[in-house]
Amino acid sequence: MSVMTPPRSAARPGRASGPREKFSDWANAHRKWLFAAPAMLFVGILIVFPLAWTLYLSLTDSQGSVRAATEFIGFQNYIDVLTDTERFWPAVGRTLAFTGVALAFEVVLGMGIALLLWRPFRGEKWVRVAILLPLVATPVAVGMMWRLIFDPNIGFANQLLGVVGIPAQPWLSGQDTALGTTIFMDIWQWTPMVVLILLAGLTSLSDEPDEAARVDGANAFQRFFYITLPLMMPTVIVAILLRGIDALKTFDILYATKGKGGGSFHEVETLNVYAYGLSFDYNQYGVSSAVLILFFMIIIGTMWLLTMRKKAVTK
């Protein structure tokens, strides 16, 4: 009996026999990147191209029309913007003030409401639905609604103040009160978003540390500040990161309530409103692009600081 041997052309076990098999092995080894590549490419194009075009415009004297001939002027637009103490730096201050004050109130109120909703109670579902209602409306609709409420003549807010004997307030029409009023609108609409994030973090916590502290005699405030809050810090920083970046970019509610330039005296003009006016009101595309690039750098810097803070907390 003769022993049958395989032909010399047969492939050895465990080794690819051709380009197709080699590609199949390579694709299988890198499948997670291949599946994600189309989405990553699409998002990259959506981000990289507008950013690159804005950066290019910021280095030119583009104005009047995007099709008009432009001249490369280097960093002159950035110099003009950074030396503008009448519009740019006040807009930076209002942007930071709007974001900081709104974010502080939203995080504190959000934590308080999340703690109230943490434990089950009667009518809990209806309360959660009521709290989330502000998120249903668009910012423009919210701005128009509060604009009617704060109307100095027919608004419900001044009528309510009159009932308790307080003089009518200018609210949105006052130079000193307009920014605070728009901050209140932002707090009213976006605190529920912070509540959702913090409530998700609270429900994921273990009950054992809190129960151990309760057995040791710690009161509610001690348990919150020494146990719950430290455990919640990564979630709190995530909420600050998400809401803070969004608050920095606030535009629609400001434009819906105050219009061009953030009001007659630019009382609520943030960087977004300022850049929009330069582009669509004055057609200063080069200067507007420089403002947007600087604004983008502020956002990236804020994201980096918060991310580093989150890493330090989670270590």
Foldseek 3Di string as FASTA:
>chain_A
DDDDDDDPLDDDPPDDNDPVSVVVVVCVVVVVCVVCVVVVVVVCCVPVVVLVVLVQLLQWQFFDDPPDDIDGNGNPLVVVLVPDPQARVVQAVLLCVLLVVLLVLLLVVLLVVLVVLLDDDPPSVVVLVVLQVLQVDDLLVLLVVVLQLLCQPRHVVQVVCVVVPHHGDNQCQDLVRNSVNLSVSSNSRCSSVSNVLQNVQSNPDDCVVVVVVVVVPDDPVCCCVPPVCLSCVLSSLVSSLVSSLVSSQDDNSQCSNANQCSHPSNSNNHLNSVLVCVCPVGRRSNSSSSSVVVSVVVSVVVNVVSVVVSVVSVD
